[in-house]
All heavy atoms as atom14 arrays in JSON, in Angstrom:
{
  "sequence": "LLDYGEEGRQENDPVWTVVVSKPGGIEEGDGDAIFLVDHAWTFRM",
  "atom14_mask": [
    [1, 1, 1, 1, 1, 1, 1, 1, 0, 0, 0, 0, 0, 0],
    [1, 1, 1, 1, 1, 1, 1, 1, 0, 0, 0, 0, 0, 0],
    [1, 1, 1, 1, 1, 1, 1, 1, 0, 0, 0, 0, 0, 0],
    [1, 1, 1, 1, 1, 1, 1, 1, 1, 1, 1, 1, 0, 0],
    [1, 1, 1, 1, 0, 0, 0, 0, 0, 0, 0, 0, 0, 0],
    [1, 1, 1, 1, 1, 1, 1, 1, 1, 0, 0, 0, 0, 0],
    [1, 1, 1, 1, 1, 1, 1, 1, 1, 0, 0, 0, 0, 0],
    [1, 1, 1, 1, 0, 0, 0, 0, 0, 0, 0, 0, 0, 0],
    [1, 1, 1, 1, 1, 1, 1, 1, 1, 1, 1, 0, 0, 0],
    [1, 1, 1, 1, 1, 1, 1, 1, 1, 0, 0, 0, 0, 0],
    [1, 1, 1, 1, 1, 1, 1, 1, 1, 0, 0, 0, 0, 0],
    [1, 1, 1, 1, 1, 1, 1, 1, 0, 0, 0, 0, 0, 0],
    [1, 1, 1, 1, 1, 1, 1, 1, 0, 0, 0, 0, 0, 0],
    [1, 1, 1, 1, 1, 1, 1, 0, 0, 0, 0, 0, 0, 0],
    [1, 1, 1, 1, 1, 1, 1, 0, 0, 0, 0, 0, 0, 0],
    [1, 1, 1, 1, 1, 1, 1, 1, 1, 1, 1, 1, 1, 1],
    [1, 1, 1, 1, 1, 1, 1, 0, 0, 0, 0, 0, 0, 0],
    [1, 1, 1, 1, 1, 1, 1, 0, 0, 0, 0, 0, 0, 0],
    [1, 1, 1, 1, 1, 1, 1, 0, 0, 0, 0, 0, 0, 0],
    [1, 1, 1, 1, 1, 1, 1, 0, 0, 0, 0, 0, 0, 0],
    [1, 1, 1, 1, 1, 1, 0, 0, 0, 0, 0, 0, 0, 0],
    [1, 1, 1, 1, 1, 1, 1, 1, 1, 0, 0, 0, 0, 0],
    [1, 1, 1, 1, 1, 1, 1, 0, 0, 0, 0, 0, 0, 0],
    [1, 1, 1, 1, 0, 0, 0, 0, 0, 0, 0, 0, 0, 0],
    [1, 1, 1, 1, 0, 0, 0, 0, 0, 0, 0, 0, 0, 0],
    [1, 1, 1, 1, 1, 1, 1, 1, 0, 0, 0, 0, 0, 0],
    [1, 1, 1, 1, 1, 1, 1, 1, 1, 0, 0, 0, 0, 0],
    [1, 1, 1, 1, 1, 1, 1, 1, 1, 0, 0, 0, 0, 0],
    [1, 1, 1, 1, 0, 0, 0, 0, 0, 0, 0, 0, 0, 0],
    [1, 1, 1, 1, 1, 1, 1, 1, 0, 0, 0, 0, 0, 0],
    [1, 1, 1, 1, 0, 0, 0, 0, 0, 0, 0, 0, 0, 0],
    [1, 1, 1, 1, 1, 1, 1, 1, 0, 0, 0, 0, 0, 0],
    [1, 1, 1, 1, 1, 0, 0, 0, 0, 0, 0, 0, 0, 0],
    [1, 1, 1, 1, 1, 1, 1, 1, 0, 0, 0, 0, 0, 0],
    [1, 1, 1, 1, 1, 1, 1, 1, 1, 1, 1, 0, 0, 0],
    [1, 1, 1, 1, 1, 1, 1, 1, 0, 0, 0, 0, 0, 0],
    [1, 1, 1, 1, 1, 1, 1, 0, 0, 0, 0, 0, 0, 0],
    [1, 1, 1, 1, 1, 1, 1, 1, 0, 0, 0, 0, 0, 0],
    [1, 1, 1, 1, 1, 1, 1, 1, 1, 1, 0, 0, 0, 0],
    [1, 1, 1, 1, 1, 0, 0, 0, 0, 0, 0, 0, 0, 0],
    [1, 1, 1, 1, 1, 1, 1, 1, 1, 1, 1, 1, 1, 1],
    [1, 1, 1, 1, 1, 1, 1, 0, 0, 0, 0, 0, 0, 0],
    [1, 1, 1, 1, 1, 1, 1, 1, 1, 1, 1, 0, 0, 0],
    [1, 1, 1, 1, 1, 1, 1, 1, 1, 1, 1, 0, 0, 0],
    [1, 1, 1, 1, 1, 1, 1, 1, 0, 0, 0, 0, 0, 0]
  ],
  "atom14_positions": [
    [[-0.64, 2.33, 8.6], [-0.39, 1.24, 9.56], [-1.76, 0.8, 10.09], [-2.57, 1.63, 10.51], [0.52, 1.68, 10.65], [0.84, 0.62, 11.81], [1.59, -0.61, 11.17], [1.55, 1.14, 12.83], [0.0, 0.0, 0.0], [0.0, 0.0, 0.0], [0.0, 0.0, 0.0], [0.0, 0.0, 0.0], [0.0, 0.0, 0.0], [0.0, 0.0, 0.0]],
    [[-2.08, -0.53, 9.87], [-3.34, -1.01, 10.27], [-3.38, -1.12, 11.87], [-2.47, -1.71, 12.44], [-3.69, -2.36, 9.66], [-3.87, -2.16, 8.13], [-3.98, -3.57, 7.54], [-5.21, -1.43, 7.78], [0.0, 0.0, 0.0], [0.0, 0.0, 0.0], [0.0, 0.0, 0.0], [0.0, 0.0, 0.0], [0.0, 0.0, 0.0], [0.0, 0.0, 0.0]],
    [[-4.45, -0.8, 12.42], [-4.68, -0.88, 13.9], [-5.71, -1.97, 14.21], [-6.81, -1.87, 13.75], [-5.11, 0.49, 14.42], [-5.32, 0.43, 16.04], [-5.05, -0.68, 16.58], [-5.62, 1.48, 16.59], [0.0, 0.0, 0.0], [0.0, 0.0, 0.0], [0.0, 0.0, 0.0], [0.0, 0.0, 0.0], [0.0, 0.0, 0.0], [0.0, 0.0, 0.0]],
    [[-5.27, -3.05, 14.83], [-6.19, -4.18, 15.08], [-6.8, -4.09, 16.49], [-7.45, -5.08, 16.88], [-5.4, -5.45, 14.85], [-5.19, -5.72, 13.45], [-3.97, -5.31, 12.84], [-6.04, -6.42, 12.62], [-3.67, -5.52, 11.46], [-5.78, -6.73, 11.31], [-4.63, -6.27, 10.76], [-4.38, -6.46, 9.46], [0.0, 0.0, 0.0], [0.0, 0.0, 0.0]],
    [[-6.6, -3.03, 17.19], [-7.25, -2.79, 18.5], [-6.8, -3.84, 19.51], [-5.68, -4.29, 19.54], [0.0, 0.0, 0.0], [0.0, 0.0, 0.0], [0.0, 0.0, 0.0], [0.0, 0.0, 0.0], [0.0, 0.0, 0.0], [0.0, 0.0, 0.0], [0.0, 0.0, 0.0], [0.0, 0.0, 0.0], [0.0, 0.0, 0.0], [0.0, 0.0, 0.0]],
    [[-7.69, -4.05, 20.49], [-7.34, -4.87, 21.63], [-7.04, -6.38, 21.21], [-6.19, -7.05, 21.85], [-8.47, -4.93, 22.7], [-8.73, -3.51, 23.34], [-9.73, -3.53, 24.4], [-10.42, -4.68, 24.54], [-10.05, -2.58, 24.95], [0.0, 0.0, 0.0], [0.0, 0.0, 0.0], [0.0, 0.0, 0.0], [0.0, 0.0, 0.0], [0.0, 0.0, 0.0]],
    [[-7.66, -6.84, 20.18], [-7.44, -8.25, 19.8], [-6.04, -8.51, 19.23], [-5.42, -9.55, 19.39], [-8.46, -8.67, 18.79], [-9.9, -8.69, 19.28], [-10.85, -9.19, 18.19], [-10.44, -9.54, 17.07], [-12.05, -9.23, 18.51], [0.0, 0.0, 0.0], [0.0, 0.0, 0.0], [0.0, 0.0, 0.0], [0.0, 0.0, 0.0], [0.0, 0.0, 0.0]],
    [[-5.45, -7.49, 18.65], [-4.08, -7.49, 18.12], [-4.02, -8.13, 16.8], [-4.93, -8.96, 16.37], [0.0, 0.0, 0.0], [0.0, 0.0, 0.0], [0.0, 0.0, 0.0], [0.0, 0.0, 0.0], [0.0, 0.0, 0.0], [0.0, 0.0, 0.0], [0.0, 0.0, 0.0], [0.0, 0.0, 0.0], [0.0, 0.0, 0.0], [0.0, 0.0, 0.0]],
    [[-2.95, -7.97, 16.02], [-2.78, -8.56, 14.77], [-2.4, -9.99, 14.8], [-1.5, -10.32, 15.63], [-1.73, -7.7, 14.0], [-1.37, -8.24, 12.54], [-0.51, -7.26, 11.77], [0.73, -7.03, 12.54], [1.87, -7.79, 12.53], [1.83, -8.8, 11.63], [2.93, -7.33, 13.18], [0.0, 0.0, 0.0], [0.0, 0.0, 0.0], [0.0, 0.0, 0.0]],
    [[-3.06, -10.77, 14.01], [-2.72, -12.2, 13.99], [-1.53, -12.44, 12.96], [-1.22, -11.45, 12.21], [-3.99, -13.06, 13.5], [-5.11, -12.93, 14.47], [-4.79, -13.34, 15.88], [-4.33, -14.34, 16.14], [-5.19, -12.34, 16.83], [0.0, 0.0, 0.0], [0.0, 0.0, 0.0], [0.0, 0.0, 0.0], [0.0, 0.0, 0.0], [0.0, 0.0, 0.0]],
    [[-1.02, -13.6, 12.97], [0.22, -13.84, 12.35], [0.2, -13.45, 10.76], [1.04, -12.88, 10.31], [0.73, -15.34, 12.43], [1.95, -15.63, 11.7], [2.37, -17.09, 11.88], [1.72, -17.85, 12.6], [3.48, -17.43, 11.38], [0.0, 0.0, 0.0], [0.0, 0.0, 0.0], [0.0, 0.0, 0.0], [0.0, 0.0, 0.0], [0.0, 0.0, 0.0]],
    [[-0.87, -13.83, 10.15], [-0.97, -13.68, 8.72], [-1.82, -12.35, 8.35], [-2.11, -12.12, 7.15], [-1.57, -14.83, 7.99], [-0.59, -16.01, 7.98], [0.64, -15.8, 7.95], [-1.05, -17.19, 7.99], [0.0, 0.0, 0.0], [0.0, 0.0, 0.0], [0.0, 0.0, 0.0], [0.0, 0.0, 0.0], [0.0, 0.0, 0.0], [0.0, 0.0, 0.0]],
    [[-2.18, -11.58, 9.33], [-2.89, -10.32, 9.01], [-1.87, -9.37, 8.36], [-0.7, -9.25, 8.81], [-3.45, -9.75, 10.27], [-4.58, -10.42, 10.87], [-5.24, -11.17, 9.99], [-4.88, -10.41, 12.03], [0.0, 0.0, 0.0], [0.0, 0.0, 0.0], [0.0, 0.0, 0.0], [0.0, 0.0, 0.0], [0.0, 0.0, 0.0], [0.0, 0.0, 0.0]],
    [[-2.44, -8.49, 7.39], [-1.52, -7.58, 6.72], [-1.11, -6.51, 7.86], [-1.79, -6.13, 8.84], [-2.31, -6.91, 5.66], [-3.81, -7.27, 5.99], [-3.7, -8.55, 6.8], [0.0, 0.0, 0.0], [0.0, 0.0, 0.0], [0.0, 0.0, 0.0], [0.0, 0.0, 0.0], [0.0, 0.0, 0.0], [0.0, 0.0, 0.0], [0.0, 0.0, 0.0]],
    [[0.11, -5.89, 7.57], [0.58, -4.9, 8.51], [0.19, -3.44, 8.11], [-0.14, -2.61, 8.9], [2.13, -4.99, 8.54], [2.72, -3.94, 9.62], [2.5, -6.4, 9.03], [0.0, 0.0, 0.0], [0.0, 0.0, 0.0], [0.0, 0.0, 0.0], [0.0, 0.0, 0.0], [0.0, 0.0, 0.0], [0.0, 0.0, 0.0], [0.0, 0.0, 0.0]],
    [[0.33, -3.22, 6.78], [0.05, -1.94, 6.21], [-1.08, -2.0, 5.17], [-1.39, -3.07, 4.58], [1.35, -1.46, 5.52], [2.58, -1.39, 6.34], [3.51, -2.41, 6.59], [3.02, -0.31, 7.25], [4.49, -2.03, 7.4], [4.22, -0.71, 7.87], [2.52, 0.96, 7.5], [4.83, 0.07, 8.75], [3.19, 1.8, 8.33], [4.35, 1.4, 8.99]],
    [[-1.57, -0.86, 4.73], [-2.49, -0.76, 3.68], [-2.18, 0.57, 3.03], [-1.51, 1.47, 3.45], [-3.92, -0.81, 4.03], [-4.75, -1.07, 2.9], [-4.4, 0.41, 4.79], [0.0, 0.0, 0.0], [0.0, 0.0, 0.0], [0.0, 0.0, 0.0], [0.0, 0.0, 0.0], [0.0, 0.0, 0.0], [0.0, 0.0, 0.0], [0.0, 0.0, 0.0]],
    [[-2.66, 0.62, 1.74], [-2.4, 1.89, 0.94], [-3.74, 2.41, 0.38], [-4.59, 1.58, 0.03], [-1.53, 1.56, -0.28], [-1.4, 2.75, -1.26], [-0.11, 1.1, 0.11], [0.0, 0.0, 0.0], [0.0, 0.0, 0.0], [0.0, 0.0, 0.0], [0.0, 0.0, 0.0], [0.0, 0.0, 0.0], [0.0, 0.0, 0.0], [0.0, 0.0, 0.0]],
    [[-3.95, 3.74, 0.6], [-5.27, 4.27, 0.17], [-4.98, 5.49, -0.73], [-3.87, 6.06, -0.84], [-6.04, 4.86, 1.4], [-6.44, 3.63, 2.39], [-5.34, 5.86, 2.09], [0.0, 0.0, 0.0], [0.0, 0.0, 0.0], [0.0, 0.0, 0.0], [0.0, 0.0, 0.0], [0.0, 0.0, 0.0], [0.0, 0.0, 0.0], [0.0, 0.0, 0.0]],
    [[-5.96, 5.73, -1.6], [-5.93, 6.89, -2.42], [-6.08, 8.18, -1.67], [-7.06, 8.34, -0.89], [-6.99, 6.84, -3.51], [-7.01, 8.18, -4.38], [-6.84, 5.66, -4.43], [0.0, 0.0, 0.0], [0.0, 0.0, 0.0], [0.0, 0.0, 0.0], [0.0, 0.0, 0.0], [0.0, 0.0, 0.0], [0.0, 0.0, 0.0], [0.0, 0.0, 0.0]],
    [[-5.13, 9.06, -1.75], [-5.18, 10.31, -0.9], [-5.32, 11.57, -1.77], [-5.54, 12.67, -1.16], [-4.01, 10.46, -0.04], [-2.74, 10.46, -0.93], [0.0, 0.0, 0.0], [0.0, 0.0, 0.0], [0.0, 0.0, 0.0], [0.0, 0.0, 0.0], [0.0, 0.0, 0.0], [0.0, 0.0, 0.0], [0.0, 0.0, 0.0], [0.0, 0.0, 0.0]],
    [[-5.32, 11.44, -3.11], [-5.45, 12.61, -3.89], [-6.86, 13.1, -3.88], [-7.83, 12.36, -4.05], [-5.04, 12.19, -5.31], [-5.19, 13.35, -6.39], [-4.76, 12.88, -7.77], [-4.83, 14.03, -8.82], [-6.19, 14.17, -9.3], [0.0, 0.0, 0.0], [0.0, 0.0, 0.0], [0.0, 0.0, 0.0], [0.0, 0.0, 0.0], [0.0, 0.0, 0.0]],
    [[-7.0, 14.35, -3.59], [-8.46, 14.85, -3.6], [-9.08, 14.63, -4.9], [-8.6, 14.91, -6.0], [-8.2, 16.39, -3.29], [-6.82, 16.45, -2.65], [-6.05, 15.4, -3.16], [0.0, 0.0, 0.0], [0.0, 0.0, 0.0], [0.0, 0.0, 0.0], [0.0, 0.0, 0.0], [0.0, 0.0, 0.0], [0.0, 0.0, 0.0], [0.0, 0.0, 0.0]],
    [[-10.29, 14.21, -4.83], [-11.07, 13.8, -6.0], [-10.77, 12.42, -6.52], [-11.49, 12.1, -7.51], [0.0, 0.0, 0.0], [0.0, 0.0, 0.0], [0.0, 0.0, 0.0], [0.0, 0.0, 0.0], [0.0, 0.0, 0.0], [0.0, 0.0, 0.0], [0.0, 0.0, 0.0], [0.0, 0.0, 0.0], [0.0, 0.0, 0.0], [0.0, 0.0, 0.0]],
    [[-9.85, 11.79, -5.98], [-9.49, 10.42, -6.48], [-8.56, 10.34, -7.65], [-8.06, 11.31, -8.06], [0.0, 0.0, 0.0], [0.0, 0.0, 0.0], [0.0, 0.0, 0.0], [0.0, 0.0, 0.0], [0.0, 0.0, 0.0], [0.0, 0.0, 0.0], [0.0, 0.0, 0.0], [0.0, 0.0, 0.0], [0.0, 0.0, 0.0], [0.0, 0.0, 0.0]],
    [[-8.47, 9.18, -8.2], [-7.56, 9.0, -9.4], [-8.39, 8.34, -10.57], [-9.05, 7.4, -10.31], [-6.38, 7.88, -9.09], [-5.53, 8.65, -7.94], [-5.54, 7.6, -10.3], [-4.45, 7.69, -7.42], [0.0, 0.0, 0.0], [0.0, 0.0, 0.0], [0.0, 0.0, 0.0], [0.0, 0.0, 0.0], [0.0, 0.0, 0.0], [0.0, 0.0, 0.0]],
    [[-8.19, 8.97, -11.74], [-8.91, 8.45, -12.82], [-8.02, 7.49, -13.67], [-6.84, 7.8, -13.85], [-9.37, 9.59, -13.78], [-10.44, 10.51, -13.13], [-10.84, 11.54, -14.06], [-10.32, 11.68, -15.22], [-11.79, 12.41, -13.71], [0.0, 0.0, 0.0], [0.0, 0.0, 0.0], [0.0, 0.0, 0.0], [0.0, 0.0, 0.0], [0.0, 0.0, 0.0]],
    [[-8.6, 6.44, -14.13], [-7.77, 5.43, -14.87], [-7.26, 6.05, -16.18], [-6.15, 5.68, -16.57], [-8.64, 4.22, -15.18], [-7.91, 3.12, -15.97], [-7.87, 3.32, -17.55], [-8.82, 4.06, -17.98], [-6.92, 2.83, -18.15], [0.0, 0.0, 0.0], [0.0, 0.0, 0.0], [0.0, 0.0, 0.0], [0.0, 0.0, 0.0], [0.0, 0.0, 0.0]],
    [[-7.94, 7.01, -16.71], [-7.53, 7.68, -17.97], [-6.47, 8.78, -17.78], [-5.93, 9.26, -18.79], [0.0, 0.0, 0.0], [0.0, 0.0, 0.0], [0.0, 0.0, 0.0], [0.0, 0.0, 0.0], [0.0, 0.0, 0.0], [0.0, 0.0, 0.0], [0.0, 0.0, 0.0], [0.0, 0.0, 0.0], [0.0, 0.0, 0.0], [0.0, 0.0, 0.0]],
    [[-6.1, 8.96, -16.51], [-5.05, 10.11, -16.29], [-3.72, 9.53, -16.67], [-3.16, 8.74, -15.87], [-5.19, 10.56, -14.78], [-4.15, 11.58, -14.41], [-3.38, 11.99, -15.32], [-4.08, 12.02, -13.24], [0.0, 0.0, 0.0], [0.0, 0.0, 0.0], [0.0, 0.0, 0.0], [0.0, 0.0, 0.0], [0.0, 0.0, 0.0], [0.0, 0.0, 0.0]],
    [[-3.13, 10.04, -17.72], [-1.77, 9.51, -18.11], [-0.67, 9.65, -17.19], [0.28, 9.01, -17.28], [0.0, 0.0, 0.0], [0.0, 0.0, 0.0], [0.0, 0.0, 0.0], [0.0, 0.0, 0.0], [0.0, 0.0, 0.0], [0.0, 0.0, 0.0], [0.0, 0.0, 0.0], [0.0, 0.0, 0.0], [0.0, 0.0, 0.0], [0.0, 0.0, 0.0]],
    [[-0.82, 10.58, -16.2], [0.22, 10.71, -15.23], [0.07, 9.81, -13.99], [0.98, 9.84, -13.1], [0.25, 12.22, -14.73], [0.79, 13.2, -15.69], [1.62, 12.82, -16.46], [0.34, 14.39, -15.74], [0.0, 0.0, 0.0], [0.0, 0.0, 0.0], [0.0, 0.0, 0.0], [0.0, 0.0, 0.0], [0.0, 0.0, 0.0], [0.0, 0.0, 0.0]],
    [[-1.04, 9.02, -13.98], [-1.28, 8.16, -12.77], [-0.57, 6.86, -12.92], [-1.08, 5.75, -12.65], [-2.79, 8.01, -12.66], [0.0, 0.0, 0.0], [0.0, 0.0, 0.0], [0.0, 0.0, 0.0], [0.0, 0.0, 0.0], [0.0, 0.0, 0.0], [0.0, 0.0, 0.0], [0.0, 0.0, 0.0], [0.0, 0.0, 0.0], [0.0, 0.0, 0.0]],
    [[0.71, 6.92, -13.32], [1.55, 5.73, -13.32], [2.75, 6.06, -12.44], [3.32, 7.1, -12.54], [1.97, 5.27, -14.72], [2.82, 4.03, -14.68], [2.7, 6.39, -15.46], [3.08, 3.26, -15.92], [0.0, 0.0, 0.0], [0.0, 0.0, 0.0], [0.0, 0.0, 0.0], [0.0, 0.0, 0.0], [0.0, 0.0, 0.0], [0.0, 0.0, 0.0]],
    [[3.04, 5.21, -11.56], [4.0, 5.45, -10.51], [5.14, 4.5, -10.4], [4.99, 3.26, -10.63], [3.27, 5.55, -9.14], [2.06, 6.32, -9.14], [0.74, 5.7, -9.06], [2.18, 7.71, -9.23], [-0.35, 6.38, -9.08], [0.98, 8.51, -9.29], [-0.32, 7.84, -9.16], [0.0, 0.0, 0.0], [0.0, 0.0, 0.0], [0.0, 0.0, 0.0]],
    [[6.43, 5.1, -10.14], [7.53, 4.18, -10.1], [7.71, 3.74, -8.6], [7.53, 4.61, -7.65], [8.9, 5.02, -10.39], [9.04, 5.52, -11.77], [10.33, 6.29, -11.9], [8.93, 4.37, -12.85], [0.0, 0.0, 0.0], [0.0, 0.0, 0.0], [0.0, 0.0, 0.0], [0.0, 0.0, 0.0], [0.0, 0.0, 0.0], [0.0, 0.0, 0.0]],
    [[7.73, 2.37, -8.42], [7.95, 1.89, -7.11], [9.32, 1.23, -7.02], [9.7, 0.43, -7.83], [6.9, 0.83, -6.82], [7.06, 0.14, -5.39], [5.47, 1.42, -6.96], [0.0, 0.0, 0.0], [0.0, 0.0, 0.0], [0.0, 0.0, 0.0], [0.0, 0.0, 0.0], [0.0, 0.0, 0.0], [0.0, 0.0, 0.0], [0.0, 0.0, 0.0]],
    [[10.07, 1.72, -6.04], [11.43, 1.25, -5.82], [11.43, -0.11, -5.1], [10.45, -0.56, -4.59], [12.27, 2.27, -4.92], [13.64, 2.51, -5.53], [14.01, 1.54, -6.35], [14.23, 3.42, -5.26], [0.0, 0.0, 0.0], [0.0, 0.0, 0.0], [0.0, 0.0, 0.0], [0.0, 0.0, 0.0], [0.0, 0.0, 0.0], [0.0, 0.0, 0.0]],
    [[12.55, -0.79, -5.29], [12.7, -2.08, -4.72], [13.65, -1.97, -3.51], [14.79, -1.54, -3.62], [13.2, -3.08, -5.73], [12.3, -3.42, -6.79], [12.61, -4.21, -7.95], [10.9, -3.13, -7.0], [11.54, -4.3, -8.77], [10.62, -3.63, -8.2], [0.0, 0.0, 0.0], [0.0, 0.0, 0.0], [0.0, 0.0, 0.0], [0.0, 0.0, 0.0]],
    [[13.04, -2.47, -2.4], [13.86, -2.32, -1.17], [14.94, -3.46, -1.03], [15.95, -3.18, -0.35], [12.83, -2.51, 0.08], [0.0, 0.0, 0.0], [0.0, 0.0, 0.0], [0.0, 0.0, 0.0], [0.0, 0.0, 0.0], [0.0, 0.0, 0.0], [0.0, 0.0, 0.0], [0.0, 0.0, 0.0], [0.0, 0.0, 0.0], [0.0, 0.0, 0.0]],
    [[14.79, -4.57, -1.78], [15.65, -5.7, -1.66], [15.6, -6.57, -2.9], [14.48, -6.97, -3.21], [15.39, -6.48, -0.34], [16.37, -7.58, -0.13], [17.64, -7.64, -0.49], [16.09, -8.74, 0.77], [18.24, -8.82, 0.0], [17.32, -9.57, 0.81], [15.07, -9.16, 1.45], [17.32, -10.67, 1.41], [15.1, -10.36, 2.17], [16.25, -11.15, 2.25]],
    [[16.7, -6.72, -3.54], [16.77, -7.65, -4.65], [17.82, -8.71, -4.26], [19.0, -8.33, -3.84], [17.19, -6.85, -5.91], [16.19, -5.82, -6.21], [17.25, -7.8, -7.06], [0.0, 0.0, 0.0], [0.0, 0.0, 0.0], [0.0, 0.0, 0.0], [0.0, 0.0, 0.0], [0.0, 0.0, 0.0], [0.0, 0.0, 0.0], [0.0, 0.0, 0.0]],
    [[17.45, -9.93, -4.55], [18.35, -11.11, -4.13], [18.08, -12.32, -4.9], [17.04, -12.46, -5.54], [18.1, -11.25, -2.62], [16.69, -11.61, -2.25], [16.2, -12.93, -2.21], [15.78, -10.48, -1.96], [14.86, -13.13, -1.91], [14.45, -10.82, -1.74], [13.97, -12.13, -1.64], [0.0, 0.0, 0.0], [0.0, 0.0, 0.0], [0.0, 0.0, 0.0]],
    [[19.0, -13.26, -4.84], [18.8, -14.57, -5.2], [18.6, -15.37, -3.95], [19.31, -15.15, -2.85], [19.95, -15.17, -6.04], [20.03, -14.46, -7.48], [20.98, -15.13, -8.4], [21.25, -14.46, -9.55], [20.54, -14.46, -10.72], [19.54, -15.34, -10.7], [20.83, -13.73, -11.74], [0.0, 0.0, 0.0], [0.0, 0.0, 0.0], [0.0, 0.0, 0.0]],
    [[17.88, -16.48, -3.97], [17.5, -17.16, -2.76], [18.62, -17.73, -2.06], [18.7, -17.83, -0.82], [16.44, -18.3, -3.06], [15.03, -17.76, -3.27], [14.44, -16.59, -1.95], [14.7, -17.66, -0.55], [0.0, 0.0, 0.0], [0.0, 0.0, 0.0], [0.0, 0.0, 0.0], [0.0, 0.0, 0.0], [0.0, 0.0, 0.0], [0.0, 0.0, 0.0]]
  ]
}
């Protein structure tokens, strides 16, 4: 969760961010470094 301090988050500022947490980082050539991301909501407009 991003902390914008005293100024506060503006309307179009991002709320969250994602960082690499694996010790040593992630190598592009690591065949296991592909991840399934679920969908929270699927809909027609």
